[in-house]
Amino acid sequence: MSDWKLKYVVGDLVRDAEQFEVICHGSNCFNTMGAGIAVGIRKKFPEAYKIDCETQYGDTKKLGTFTYTKEQTTPVIVNAYTQ
């Protein structure tokens, strides 16, 4: 069993992002990041959107996969293709 613990935090995840090591958010396969929390992530961490756009638009084979920021970002942003 790992030492991971789930911690619930009330607040603004994008505003307070630097206090986390990794942020993982559900992304669609259409490279938009145009709704929900993705809008704030796209604005604050443009590298996350850049990495997303390097994948093929509308490719449903991305479902269940992910991309992540490779440049130095704090936190690392994970785009999990869930929709």
PDB file of N, CA and C in Angstrom:
ATOM      1  N   MET A   1       0.838  -1.176   0.000  1.00  0.00           N
ATOM      2  CA  MET A   1       0.000   0.000   0.000  1.00  0.00           C
ATOM      3  C   MET A   1       0.889   1.247   0.000  1.00  0.00           C
ATOM      4  N   SER A   2       0.492   2.252  -0.732  1.00  0.00           N
ATOM      5  CA  SER A   2       1.310   3.472  -0.811  1.00  0.00           C
ATOM      6  C   SER A   2       1.051   4.374   0.387  1.00  0.00           C
ATOM      7  N   ASP A   3       1.874   5.379   0.506  1.00  0.00           N
ATOM      8  CA  ASP A   3       1.716   6.365   1.581  1.00  0.00           C
ATOM      9  C   ASP A   3       0.873   7.549   1.137  1.00  0.00           C
ATOM     10  N   TRP A   4       0.200   7.443   0.006  1.00  0.00           N
ATOM     11  CA  TRP A   4      -0.608   8.547  -0.499  1.00  0.00           C
ATOM     12  C   TRP A   4      -1.795   8.767   0.414  1.00  0.00           C
ATOM     13  N   LYS A   5      -2.142  10.036   0.562  1.00  0.00           N
ATOM     14  CA  LYS A   5      -3.321  10.389   1.343  1.00  0.00           C
ATOM     15  C   LYS A   5      -4.137  11.378   0.543  1.00  0.00           C
ATOM     16  N   LEU A   6      -5.427  11.240   0.623  1.00  0.00           N
ATOM     17  CA  LEU A   6      -6.325  12.161  -0.044  1.00  0.00           C
ATOM     18  C   LEU A   6      -6.611  13.309   0.899  1.00  0.00           C
ATOM     19  N   LYS A   7      -6.433  14.529   0.406  1.00  0.00           N
ATOM     20  CA  LYS A   7      -6.656  15.714   1.227  1.00  0.00           C
ATOM     21  C   LYS A   7      -7.632  16.620   0.501  1.00  0.00           C
ATOM     22  N   TYR A   8      -8.725  16.937   1.136  1.00  0.00           N
ATOM     23  CA  TYR A   8      -9.707  17.844   0.552  1.00  0.00           C
ATOM     24  C   TYR A   8      -9.351  19.267   0.940  1.00  0.00           C
ATOM     25  N   VAL A   9      -9.300  20.143  -0.052  1.00  0.00           N
ATOM     26  CA  VAL A   9      -8.971  21.549   0.175  1.00  0.00           C
ATOM     27  C   VAL A   9     -10.068  22.395  -0.453  1.00  0.00           C
ATOM     28  N   VAL A  10     -10.584  23.347   0.294  1.00  0.00           N
ATOM     29  CA  VAL A  10     -11.590  24.260  -0.233  1.00  0.00           C
ATOM     30  C   VAL A  10     -10.865  25.526  -0.676  1.00  0.00           C
ATOM     31  N   GLY A  11     -11.103  25.951  -1.901  1.00  0.00           N
ATOM     32  CA  GLY A  11     -10.449  27.157  -2.389  1.00  0.00           C
ATOM     33  C   GLY A  11     -10.457  27.206  -3.899  1.00  0.00           C
ATOM     34  N   ASP A  12      -9.574  28.002  -4.437  1.00  0.00           N
ATOM     35  CA  ASP A  12      -9.447  28.176  -5.883  1.00  0.00           C
ATOM     36  C   ASP A  12      -8.200  27.427  -6.337  1.00  0.00           C
ATOM     37  N   LEU A  13      -8.394  26.292  -6.979  1.00  0.00           N
ATOM     38  CA  LEU A  13      -7.274  25.433  -7.366  1.00  0.00           C
ATOM     39  C   LEU A  13      -6.294  26.136  -8.289  1.00  0.00           C
ATOM     40  N   VAL A  14      -6.796  26.889  -9.248  1.00  0.00           N
ATOM     41  CA  VAL A  14      -5.896  27.564 -10.189  1.00  0.00           C
ATOM     42  C   VAL A  14      -5.113  28.662  -9.475  1.00  0.00           C
ATOM     43  N   ARG A  15      -5.795  29.468  -8.698  1.00  0.00           N
ATOM     44  CA  ARG A  15      -5.112  30.554  -7.976  1.00  0.00           C
ATOM     45  C   ARG A  15      -4.038  30.012  -7.045  1.00  0.00           C
ATOM     46  N   ASP A  16      -4.344  28.917  -6.361  1.00  0.00           N
ATOM     47  CA  ASP A  16      -3.449  28.362  -5.352  1.00  0.00           C
ATOM     48  C   ASP A  16      -2.628  27.181  -5.865  1.00  0.00           C
ATOM     49  N   ALA A  17      -2.502  27.043  -7.172  1.00  0.00           N
ATOM     50  CA  ALA A  17      -1.892  25.867  -7.796  1.00  0.00           C
ATOM     51  C   ALA A  17      -0.478  25.566  -7.316  1.00  0.00           C
ATOM     52  N   GLU A  18       0.291  26.591  -7.023  1.00  0.00           N
ATOM     53  CA  GLU A  18       1.703  26.386  -6.686  1.00  0.00           C
ATOM     54  C   GLU A  18       1.912  25.583  -5.407  1.00  0.00           C
ATOM     55  N   GLN A  19       0.869  25.408  -4.611  1.00  0.00           N
ATOM     56  CA  GLN A  19       1.051  24.628  -3.377  1.00  0.00           C
ATOM     57  C   GLN A  19       0.952  23.118  -3.618  1.00  0.00           C
ATOM     58  N   PHE A  20       0.692  22.730  -4.875  1.00  0.00           N
ATOM     59  CA  PHE A  20       0.561  21.320  -5.220  1.00  0.00           C
ATOM     60  C   PHE A  20       1.690  20.887  -6.151  1.00  0.00           C
ATOM     61  N   GLU A  21       2.012  19.608  -6.128  1.00  0.00           N
ATOM     62  CA  GLU A  21       3.040  19.076  -7.017  1.00  0.00           C
ATOM     63  C   GLU A  21       2.465  18.747  -8.390  1.00  0.00           C
ATOM     64  N   VAL A  22       1.236  18.249  -8.426  1.00  0.00           N
ATOM     65  CA  VAL A  22       0.588  17.824  -9.664  1.00  0.00           C
ATOM     66  C   VAL A  22      -0.879  18.219  -9.624  1.00  0.00           C
ATOM     67  N   ILE A  23      -1.383  18.717 -10.752  1.00  0.00           N
ATOM     68  CA  ILE A  23      -2.818  18.918 -10.927  1.00  0.00           C
ATOM     69  C   ILE A  23      -3.209  18.099 -12.151  1.00  0.00           C
ATOM     70  N   CYS A  24      -4.184  17.227 -11.966  1.00  0.00           N
ATOM     71  CA  CYS A  24      -4.687  16.405 -13.050  1.00  0.00           C
ATOM     72  C   CYS A  24      -6.133  16.815 -13.299  1.00  0.00           C
ATOM     73  N   HIS A  25      -6.457  17.135 -14.540  1.00  0.00           N
ATOM     74  CA  HIS A  25      -7.827  17.525 -14.861  1.00  0.00           C
ATOM     75  C   HIS A  25      -8.303  16.758 -16.082  1.00  0.00           C
ATOM     76  N   GLY A  26      -9.598  16.509 -16.127  1.00  0.00           N
ATOM     77  CA  GLY A  26     -10.191  15.802 -17.252  1.00  0.00           C
ATOM     78  C   GLY A  26     -10.233  16.683 -18.479  1.00  0.00           C
ATOM     79  N   SER A  27      -9.738  16.184 -19.586  1.00  0.00           N
ATOM     80  CA  SER A  27      -9.689  16.932 -20.844  1.00  0.00           C
ATOM     81  C   SER A  27     -10.500  16.212 -21.902  1.00  0.00           C
ATOM     82  N   ASN A  28     -10.995  16.984 -22.870  1.00  0.00           N
ATOM     83  CA  ASN A  28     -11.662  16.347 -24.004  1.00  0.00           C
ATOM     84  C   ASN A  28     -10.645  16.085 -25.110  1.00  0.00           C
ATOM     85  N   CYS A  29     -11.077  15.440 -26.152  1.00  0.00           N
ATOM     86  CA  CYS A  29     -10.174  15.076 -27.255  1.00  0.00           C
ATOM     87  C   CYS A  29     -10.130  16.134 -28.359  1.00  0.00           C
ATOM     88  N   PHE A  30     -10.690  17.321 -28.087  1.00  0.00           N
ATOM     89  CA  PHE A  30     -10.811  18.341 -29.125  1.00  0.00           C
ATOM     90  C   PHE A  30      -9.922  19.564 -28.906  1.00  0.00           C
ATOM     91  N   ASN A  31      -8.941  19.455 -28.035  1.00  0.00           N
ATOM     92  CA  ASN A  31      -7.919  20.499 -27.859  1.00  0.00           C
ATOM     93  C   ASN A  31      -8.511  21.891 -27.620  1.00  0.00           C
ATOM     94  N   THR A  32      -9.540  21.996 -26.795  1.00  0.00           N
ATOM     95  CA  THR A  32     -10.160  23.303 -26.594  1.00  0.00           C
ATOM     96  C   THR A  32      -9.778  23.962 -25.282  1.00  0.00           C
ATOM     97  N   MET A  33      -9.851  23.241 -24.192  1.00  0.00           N
ATOM     98  CA  MET A  33      -9.646  23.809 -22.860  1.00  0.00           C
ATOM     99  C   MET A  33     -10.452  25.106 -22.739  1.00  0.00           C
ATOM    100  N   GLY A  34     -11.722  25.037 -23.116  1.00  0.00           N
ATOM    101  CA  GLY A  34     -12.557  26.227 -23.192  1.00  0.00           C
ATOM    102  C   GLY A  34     -13.685  26.296 -22.190  1.00  0.00           C
ATOM    103  N   ALA A  35     -13.754  25.370 -21.227  1.00  0.00           N
ATOM    104  CA  ALA A  35     -14.834  25.404 -20.245  1.00  0.00           C
ATOM    105  C   ALA A  35     -14.333  24.872 -18.904  1.00  0.00           C
ATOM    106  N   GLY A  36     -15.057  25.197 -17.870  1.00  0.00           N
ATOM    107  CA  GLY A  36     -14.729  24.713 -16.528  1.00  0.00           C
ATOM    108  C   GLY A  36     -13.351  25.147 -16.065  1.00  0.00           C
ATOM    109  N   ILE A  37     -12.738  24.308 -15.265  1.00  0.00           N
ATOM    110  CA  ILE A  37     -11.420  24.630 -14.703  1.00  0.00           C
ATOM    111  C   ILE A  37     -10.348  24.716 -15.780  1.00  0.00           C
ATOM    112  N   ALA A  38     -10.586  24.057 -16.915  1.00  0.00           N
ATOM    113  CA  ALA A  38      -9.596  24.060 -18.001  1.00  0.00           C
ATOM    114  C   ALA A  38      -9.296  25.468 -18.501  1.00  0.00           C
ATOM    115  N   VAL A  39     -10.280  26.363 -18.456  1.00  0.00           N
ATOM    116  CA  VAL A  39     -10.065  27.748 -18.904  1.00  0.00           C
ATOM    117  C   VAL A  39      -8.982  28.407 -18.053  1.00  0.00           C
ATOM    118  N   GLY A  40      -9.102  28.282 -16.741  1.00  0.00           N
ATOM    119  CA  GLY A  40      -8.113  28.866 -15.839  1.00  0.00           C
ATOM    120  C   GLY A  40      -6.751  28.225 -15.989  1.00  0.00           C
ATOM    121  N   ILE A  41      -6.723  26.913 -16.165  1.00  0.00           N
ATOM    122  CA  ILE A  41      -5.453  26.215 -16.362  1.00  0.00           C
ATOM    123  C   ILE A  41      -4.804  26.685 -17.656  1.00  0.00           C
ATOM    124  N   ARG A  42      -5.595  26.816 -18.706  1.00  0.00           N
ATOM    125  CA  ARG A  42      -5.063  27.274 -20.003  1.00  0.00           C
ATOM    126  C   ARG A  42      -4.434  28.662 -19.883  1.00  0.00           C
ATOM    127  N   LYS A  43      -5.082  29.550 -19.143  1.00  0.00           N
ATOM    128  CA  LYS A  43      -4.565  30.917 -18.990  1.00  0.00           C
ATOM    129  C   LYS A  43      -3.319  30.968 -18.112  1.00  0.00           C
ATOM    130  N   LYS A  44      -3.338  30.253 -16.999  1.00  0.00           N
ATOM    131  CA  LYS A  44      -2.224  30.334 -16.050  1.00  0.00           C
ATOM    132  C   LYS A  44      -1.044  29.462 -16.460  1.00  0.00           C
ATOM    133  N   PHE A  45      -1.338  28.343 -17.139  1.00  0.00           N
ATOM    134  CA  PHE A  45      -0.288  27.403 -17.533  1.00  0.00           C
ATOM    135  C   PHE A  45      -0.399  27.124 -19.032  1.00  0.00           C
ATOM    136  N   PRO A  46      -0.007  28.077 -19.874  1.00  0.00           N
ATOM    137  CA  PRO A  46      -0.138  27.890 -21.324  1.00  0.00           C
ATOM    138  C   PRO A  46       0.592  26.662 -21.850  1.00  0.00           C
ATOM    139  N   GLU A  47       1.601  26.211 -21.147  1.00  0.00           N
ATOM    140  CA  GLU A  47       2.326  24.993 -21.561  1.00  0.00           C
ATOM    141  C   GLU A  47       1.382  23.788 -21.582  1.00  0.00           C
ATOM    142  N   ALA A  48       0.422  23.734 -20.661  1.00  0.00           N
ATOM    143  CA  ALA A  48      -0.542  22.620 -20.628  1.00  0.00           C
ATOM    144  C   ALA A  48      -1.385  22.613 -21.898  1.00  0.00           C
ATOM    145  N   TYR A  49      -1.791  23.790 -22.347  1.00  0.00           N
ATOM    146  CA  TYR A  49      -2.574  23.886 -23.580  1.00  0.00           C
ATOM    147  C   TYR A  49      -1.708  23.560 -24.796  1.00  0.00           C
ATOM    148  N   LYS A  50      -0.466  24.025 -24.784  1.00  0.00           N
ATOM    149  CA  LYS A  50       0.459  23.742 -25.887  1.00  0.00           C
ATOM    150  C   LYS A  50       0.648  22.240 -26.059  1.00  0.00           C
ATOM    151  N   ILE A  51       0.852  21.533 -24.961  1.00  0.00           N
ATOM    152  CA  ILE A  51       1.033  20.080 -25.003  1.00  0.00           C
ATOM    153  C   ILE A  51      -0.238  19.408 -25.515  1.00  0.00           C
ATOM    154  N   ASP A  52      -1.398  19.905 -25.079  1.00  0.00           N
ATOM    155  CA  ASP A  52      -2.678  19.363 -25.541  1.00  0.00           C
ATOM    156  C   ASP A  52      -2.802  19.514 -27.058  1.00  0.00           C
ATOM    157  N   CYS A  53      -2.429  20.671 -27.562  1.00  0.00           N
ATOM    158  CA  CYS A  53      -2.554  20.944 -29.001  1.00  0.00           C
ATOM    159  C   CYS A  53      -1.573  20.147 -29.853  1.00  0.00           C
ATOM    160  N   GLU A  54      -0.575  19.551 -29.241  1.00  0.00           N
ATOM    161  CA  GLU A  54       0.350  18.694 -29.975  1.00  0.00           C
ATOM    162  C   GLU A  54      -0.248  17.312 -30.254  1.00  0.00           C
ATOM    163  N   THR A  55      -1.414  17.041 -29.666  1.00  0.00           N
ATOM    164  CA  THR A  55      -2.117  15.786 -29.948  1.00  0.00           C
ATOM    165  C   THR A  55      -3.102  16.024 -31.087  1.00  0.00           C
ATOM    166  N   GLN A  56      -3.568  14.948 -31.693  1.00  0.00           N
ATOM    167  CA  GLN A  56      -4.467  15.058 -32.844  1.00  0.00           C
ATOM    168  C   GLN A  56      -5.864  15.470 -32.398  1.00  0.00           C
ATOM    169  N   TYR A  57      -6.394  16.499 -33.027  1.00  0.00           N
ATOM    170  CA  TYR A  57      -7.735  17.011 -32.745  1.00  0.00           C
ATOM    171  C   TYR A  57      -8.784  15.924 -32.980  1.00  0.00           C
ATOM    172  N   GLY A  58      -9.646  15.712 -31.995  1.00  0.00           N
ATOM    173  CA  GLY A  58     -10.773  14.799 -32.147  1.00  0.00           C
ATOM    174  C   GLY A  58     -10.443  13.319 -32.147  1.00  0.00           C
ATOM    175  N   ASP A  59      -9.210  12.963 -31.866  1.00  0.00           N
ATOM    176  CA  ASP A  59      -8.794  11.556 -31.904  1.00  0.00           C
ATOM    177  C   ASP A  59      -9.289  10.836 -30.651  1.00  0.00           C
ATOM    178  N   THR A  60     -10.307  10.007 -30.803  1.00  0.00           N
ATOM    179  CA  THR A  60     -10.864   9.301 -29.651  1.00  0.00           C
ATOM    180  C   THR A  60      -9.922   8.223 -29.110  1.00  0.00           C
ATOM    181  N   LYS A  61      -8.856   7.934 -29.824  1.00  0.00           N
ATOM    182  CA  LYS A  61      -7.856   6.993 -29.305  1.00  0.00           C
ATOM    183  C   LYS A  61      -7.101   7.588 -28.115  1.00  0.00           C
ATOM    184  N   LYS A  62      -7.252   8.906 -27.911  1.00  0.00           N
ATOM    185  CA  LYS A  62      -6.624   9.540 -26.756  1.00  0.00           C
ATOM    186  C   LYS A  62      -7.334   9.189 -25.451  1.00  0.00           C
ATOM    187  N   LEU A  63      -8.598   8.747 -25.533  1.00  0.00           N
ATOM    188  CA  LEU A  63      -9.356   8.427 -24.320  1.00  0.00           C
ATOM    189  C   LEU A  63      -8.582   7.438 -23.452  1.00  0.00           C
ATOM    190  N   GLY A  64      -8.463   7.771 -22.179  1.00  0.00           N
ATOM    191  CA  GLY A  64      -7.731   6.921 -21.245  1.00  0.00           C
ATOM    192  C   GLY A  64      -6.239   7.186 -21.207  1.00  0.00           C
ATOM    193  N   THR A  65      -5.762   8.135 -22.017  1.00  0.00           N
ATOM    194  CA  THR A  65      -4.342   8.490 -22.009  1.00  0.00           C
ATOM    195  C   THR A  65      -4.189   9.878 -21.389  1.00  0.00           C
ATOM    196  N   PHE A  66      -2.985  10.387 -21.375  1.00  0.00           N
ATOM    197  CA  PHE A  66      -2.746  11.712 -20.808  1.00  0.00           C
ATOM    198  C   PHE A  66      -1.520  12.345 -21.433  1.00  0.00           C
ATOM    199  N   THR A  67      -1.448  13.659 -21.310  1.00  0.00           N
ATOM    200  CA  THR A  67      -0.237  14.418 -21.609  1.00  0.00           C
ATOM    201  C   THR A  67       0.082  15.224 -20.355  1.00  0.00           C
ATOM    202  N   TYR A  68       1.284  15.733 -20.275  1.00  0.00           N
ATOM    203  CA  TYR A  68       1.637  16.545 -19.104  1.00  0.00           C
ATOM    204  C   TYR A  68       2.694  17.566 -19.494  1.00  0.00           C
ATOM    205  N   THR A  69       2.782  18.597 -18.690  1.00  0.00           N
ATOM    206  CA  THR A  69       3.749  19.661 -18.967  1.00  0.00           C
ATOM    207  C   THR A  69       5.155  19.124 -18.748  1.00  0.00           C
ATOM    208  N   LYS A  70       5.966  19.267 -19.766  1.00  0.00           N
ATOM    209  CA  LYS A  70       7.341  18.789 -19.696  1.00  0.00           C
ATOM    210  C   LYS A  70       8.298  19.910 -19.314  1.00  0.00           C
ATOM    211  N   GLU A  71       7.904  21.141 -19.623  1.00  0.00           N
ATOM    212  CA  GLU A  71       8.713  22.280 -19.196  1.00  0.00           C
ATOM    213  C   GLU A  71       8.578  22.420 -17.681  1.00  0.00           C
ATOM    214  N   GLN A  72       9.437  23.187 -17.079  1.00  0.00           N
ATOM    215  CA  GLN A  72       9.399  23.376 -15.635  1.00  0.00           C
ATOM    216  C   GLN A  72       8.166  24.170 -15.239  1.00  0.00           C
ATOM    217  N   THR A  73       7.146  23.502 -14.765  1.00  0.00           N
ATOM    218  CA  THR A  73       5.976  24.174 -14.220  1.00  0.00           C
ATOM    219  C   THR A  73       5.752  23.669 -12.810  1.00  0.00           C
ATOM    220  N   THR A  74       5.277  24.531 -11.980  1.00  0.00           N
ATOM    221  CA  THR A  74       4.907  24.148 -10.626  1.00  0.00           C
ATOM    222  C   THR A  74       3.469  24.558 -10.427  1.00  0.00           C
ATOM    223  N   PRO A  75       2.587  23.605 -10.407  1.00  0.00           N
ATOM    224  CA  PRO A  75       2.779  22.166 -10.436  1.00  0.00           C
ATOM    225  C   PRO A  75       2.889  21.629 -11.863  1.00  0.00           C
ATOM    226  N   VAL A  76       3.156  20.334 -11.977  1.00  0.00           N
ATOM    227  CA  VAL A  76       3.041  19.656 -13.267  1.00  0.00           C
ATOM    228  C   VAL A  76       1.544  19.573 -13.563  1.00  0.00           C
ATOM    229  N   ILE A  77       1.149  19.905 -14.778  1.00  0.00           N
ATOM    230  CA  ILE A  77      -0.253  19.833 -15.174  1.00  0.00           C
ATOM    231  C   ILE A  77      -0.445  18.609 -16.053  1.00  0.00           C
ATOM    232  N   VAL A  78      -1.393  17.749 -15.672  1.00  0.00           N
ATOM    233  CA  VAL A  78      -1.717  16.542 -16.413  1.00  0.00           C
ATOM    234  C   VAL A  78      -3.069  16.741 -17.099  1.00  0.00           C
ATOM    235  N   ASN A  79      -3.091  16.573 -18.410  1.00  0.00           N
ATOM    236  CA  ASN A  79      -4.334  16.583 -19.183  1.00  0.00           C
ATOM    237  C   ASN A  79      -4.744  15.128 -19.356  1.00  0.00           C
ATOM    238  N   ALA A  80      -5.751  14.686 -18.604  1.00  0.00           N
ATOM    239  CA  ALA A  80      -6.226  13.294 -18.674  1.00  0.00           C
ATOM    240  C   ALA A  80      -7.396  13.259 -19.653  1.00  0.00           C
ATOM    241  N   TYR A  81      -7.272  12.523 -20.731  1.00  0.00           N
ATOM    242  CA  TYR A  81      -8.300  12.493 -21.770  1.00  0.00           C
ATOM    243  C   TYR A  81      -9.429  11.566 -21.352  1.00  0.00           C
ATOM    244  N   THR A  82     -10.472  12.181 -20.829  1.00  0.00           N
ATOM    245  CA  THR A  82     -11.583  11.450 -20.218  1.00  0.00           C
ATOM    246  C   THR A  82     -12.893  11.636 -20.958  1.00  0.00           C
ATOM    247  N   GLN A  83     -12.929  12.515 -21.948  1.00  0.00           N
ATOM    248  CA  GLN A  83     -14.191  12.775 -22.643  1.00  0.00           C
ATOM    249  C   GLN A  83     -13.970  13.140 -24.093  1.00  0.00           C
TER     250      GLN A  83
END
